[in-house]
Amino acid sequence: MKLKPDGAKGIERTVDDEVVPVVKKFAGFAGQVTMVSSDRKEAIGISLWDRKESAETYKKEQSAAVLKALGKHVEGEPELQTYEVTNTTFEKLLGRKAA
C-alpha cells in the first residue's frame, strides 16, 4: 500500500487499535504482521490463518471494514489479496513439521 504523508504512524496505530482487536475474534486467526518500508512510504500487512476457510470467513464478514479503516492512511484504495502458504519456517503455525 502506498501511504499518505505521515501514513506510517496512522497505519501502526490503526492496526493496533482497530484491526488486531477485530481479527483476533475470528476463529482460526493465527497472527498478523505489518511491515513499513524504510522510507515510510509503503506498507504491507499480512494476516495468517489456520486454514483457507477461516480466512474466507474473515474476508466475507469483516475485511471491508478493516480496509476502510486502513484507507484513511493510504493513497488510493487498499487491496486484499489471498495467498496460500507453500513454504515457511513457522512450522508451528501450520501444525506440521518442516519437510
C-alpha atoms as a PDB file:
ATOM      1  CA  MET A   1       0.000   0.000   0.000  1.00  0.00           C
ATOM      2  CA  LYS A   2       1.322   3.407  -0.881  1.00  0.00           C
ATOM      3  CA  LEU A   3       1.000   5.591   2.210  1.00  0.00           C
ATOM      4  CA  LYS A   4      -0.141   9.176   2.554  1.00  0.00           C
ATOM      5  CA  PRO A   5       2.336  11.581   4.190  1.00  0.00           C
ATOM      6  CA  ASP A   6       2.616  10.522   7.852  1.00  0.00           C
ATOM      7  CA  GLY A   7       0.553   7.460   6.951  1.00  0.00           C
ATOM      8  CA  ALA A   8       3.015   5.058   8.586  1.00  0.00           C
ATOM      9  CA  LYS A   9       2.169   6.341  12.067  1.00  0.00           C
ATOM     10  CA  GLY A  10      -1.522   6.128  11.272  1.00  0.00           C
ATOM     11  CA  ILE A  11      -1.234   2.588   9.944  1.00  0.00           C
ATOM     12  CA  GLU A  12       0.611   1.449  13.070  1.00  0.00           C
ATOM     13  CA  ARG A  13      -2.000   2.997  15.347  1.00  0.00           C
ATOM     14  CA  THR A  14      -4.956   1.741  13.306  1.00  0.00           C
ATOM     15  CA  VAL A  15      -3.621  -1.804  13.155  1.00  0.00           C
ATOM     16  CA  ASP A  16      -3.019  -1.881  16.917  1.00  0.00           C
ATOM     17  CA  ASP A  17      -6.253  -0.151  17.931  1.00  0.00           C
ATOM     18  CA  GLU A  18      -8.771  -1.219  15.279  1.00  0.00           C
ATOM     19  CA  VAL A  19      -7.563  -4.130  13.164  1.00  0.00           C
ATOM     20  CA  VAL A  20      -5.958  -6.582  15.587  1.00  0.00           C
ATOM     21  CA  PRO A  21      -8.808  -6.488  18.140  1.00  0.00           C
ATOM     22  CA  VAL A  22     -11.254  -7.351  15.342  1.00  0.00           C
ATOM     23  CA  VAL A  23      -9.314 -10.144  13.637  1.00  0.00           C
ATOM     24  CA  LYS A  24      -8.400 -11.768  16.973  1.00  0.00           C
ATOM     25  CA  LYS A  25     -12.097 -12.520  17.486  1.00  0.00           C
ATOM     26  CA  PHE A  26     -12.258 -14.721  14.394  1.00  0.00           C
ATOM     27  CA  ALA A  27     -11.776 -18.458  14.733  1.00  0.00           C
ATOM     28  CA  GLY A  28      -8.585 -19.603  13.080  1.00  0.00           C
ATOM     29  CA  PHE A  29      -6.683 -16.324  13.326  1.00  0.00           C
ATOM     30  CA  ALA A  30      -3.014 -17.258  13.783  1.00  0.00           C
ATOM     31  CA  GLY A  31      -1.217 -13.910  13.698  1.00  0.00           C
ATOM     32  CA  GLN A  32      -0.621 -10.626  11.943  1.00  0.00           C
ATOM     33  CA  VAL A  33       2.438  -8.794  10.635  1.00  0.00           C
ATOM     34  CA  THR A  34       2.628  -5.205   9.395  1.00  0.00           C
ATOM     35  CA  MET A  35       5.751  -4.009   7.620  1.00  0.00           C
ATOM     36  CA  VAL A  36       6.561  -0.425   6.640  1.00  0.00           C
ATOM     37  CA  SER A  37       9.305   0.423   4.145  1.00  0.00           C
ATOM     38  CA  SER A  38      12.395   2.186   5.464  1.00  0.00           C
ATOM     39  CA  ASP A  39      11.380   5.385   3.653  1.00  0.00           C
ATOM     40  CA  ARG A  40       7.938   5.143   5.372  1.00  0.00           C
ATOM     41  CA  LYS A  41       6.122   5.487   2.033  1.00  0.00           C
ATOM     42  CA  GLU A  42       4.751   1.950   1.679  1.00  0.00           C
ATOM     43  CA  ALA A  43       3.326  -0.721   3.932  1.00  0.00           C
ATOM     44  CA  ILE A  44       2.142  -4.285   3.715  1.00  0.00           C
ATOM     45  CA  GLY A  45       0.028  -6.224   6.157  1.00  0.00           C
ATOM     46  CA  ILE A  46      -0.164  -9.986   6.383  1.00  0.00           C
ATOM     47  CA  SER A  47      -2.708 -11.874   8.424  1.00  0.00           C
ATOM     48  CA  LEU A  48      -2.195 -15.581   8.934  1.00  0.00           C
ATOM     49  CA  TRP A  49      -4.970 -18.136   9.344  1.00  0.00           C
ATOM     50  CA  ASP A  50      -5.096 -21.795  10.313  1.00  0.00           C
ATOM     51  CA  ARG A  51      -6.928 -22.753   7.128  1.00  0.00           C
ATOM     52  CA  LYS A  52      -8.404 -21.288   3.984  1.00  0.00           C
ATOM     53  CA  GLU A  53     -11.994 -21.411   5.291  1.00  0.00           C
ATOM     54  CA  SER A  54     -11.112 -19.258   8.302  1.00  0.00           C
ATOM     55  CA  ALA A  55      -9.550 -16.617   6.058  1.00  0.00           C
ATOM     56  CA  GLU A  56     -12.577 -16.705   3.756  1.00  0.00           C
ATOM     57  CA  THR A  57     -14.961 -16.187   6.684  1.00  0.00           C
ATOM     58  CA  TYR A  58     -12.965 -13.149   7.809  1.00  0.00           C
ATOM     59  CA  LYS A  59     -12.832 -11.815   4.253  1.00  0.00           C
ATOM     60  CA  LYS A  60     -16.588 -12.172   3.837  1.00  0.00           C
ATOM     61  CA  GLU A  61     -17.601 -10.789   7.234  1.00  0.00           C
ATOM     62  CA  GLN A  62     -15.090  -8.123   8.208  1.00  0.00           C
ATOM     63  CA  SER A  63     -12.436  -7.294   5.624  1.00  0.00           C
ATOM     64  CA  ALA A  64     -14.373  -4.369   4.112  1.00  0.00           C
ATOM     65  CA  ALA A  65     -14.450  -2.553   7.470  1.00  0.00           C
ATOM     66  CA  VAL A  66     -10.746  -3.219   8.050  1.00  0.00           C
ATOM     67  CA  LEU A  67      -9.830  -1.957   4.580  1.00  0.00           C
ATOM     68  CA  LYS A  68     -11.913   1.164   5.201  1.00  0.00           C
ATOM     69  CA  ALA A  69     -10.045   1.835   8.465  1.00  0.00           C
ATOM     70  CA  LEU A  70      -6.681   1.389   6.736  1.00  0.00           C
ATOM     71  CA  GLY A  71      -7.820   3.512   3.804  1.00  0.00           C
ATOM     72  CA  LYS A  72      -7.544   6.678   5.898  1.00  0.00           C
ATOM     73  CA  HIS A  73      -3.757   6.349   5.664  1.00  0.00           C
ATOM     74  CA  VAL A  74      -3.334   5.027   2.120  1.00  0.00           C
ATOM     75  CA  GLU A  75      -3.121   6.642  -1.311  1.00  0.00           C
ATOM     76  CA  GLY A  76      -5.963   5.115  -3.326  1.00  0.00           C
ATOM     77  CA  GLU A  77      -7.807   2.015  -2.175  1.00  0.00           C
ATOM     78  CA  PRO A  78      -6.151  -0.641  -0.008  1.00  0.00           C
ATOM     79  CA  GLU A  79      -6.386  -4.069  -1.598  1.00  0.00           C
ATOM     80  CA  LEU A  80      -6.934  -7.508  -0.099  1.00  0.00           C
ATOM     81  CA  GLN A  81      -5.184 -10.423  -1.774  1.00  0.00           C
ATOM     82  CA  THR A  82      -5.240 -14.054  -0.717  1.00  0.00           C
ATOM     83  CA  TYR A  83      -2.251 -16.376  -0.879  1.00  0.00           C
ATOM     84  CA  GLU A  84      -1.612 -19.939   0.221  1.00  0.00           C
ATOM     85  CA  VAL A  85       1.428 -20.625   2.393  1.00  0.00           C
ATOM     86  CA  THR A  86       3.681 -23.003   0.490  1.00  0.00           C
ATOM     87  CA  ASN A  87       6.921 -22.633   2.447  1.00  0.00           C
ATOM     88  CA  THR A  88       7.631 -21.344   5.925  1.00  0.00           C
ATOM     89  CA  THR A  89       9.976 -21.723   8.836  1.00  0.00           C
ATOM     90  CA  PHE A  90       6.973 -21.228  11.122  1.00  0.00           C
ATOM     91  CA  GLU A  91       6.125 -24.929  11.358  1.00  0.00           C
ATOM     92  CA  LYS A  92       4.025 -24.461  14.481  1.00  0.00           C
ATOM     93  CA  LEU A  93       1.788 -22.092  12.579  1.00  0.00           C
ATOM     94  CA  LEU A  94       0.877 -24.796  10.089  1.00  0.00           C
ATOM     95  CA  GLY A  95       0.696 -27.543  12.678  1.00  0.00           C
ATOM     96  CA  ARG A  96       3.265 -29.710  10.915  1.00  0.00           C
ATOM     97  CA  LYS A  97       6.966 -30.429  10.872  1.00  0.00           C
ATOM     98  CA  ALA A  98       9.274 -28.905   8.298  1.00  0.00           C
ATOM     99  CA  ALA A  99       9.858 -31.168   5.312  1.00  0.00           C
END
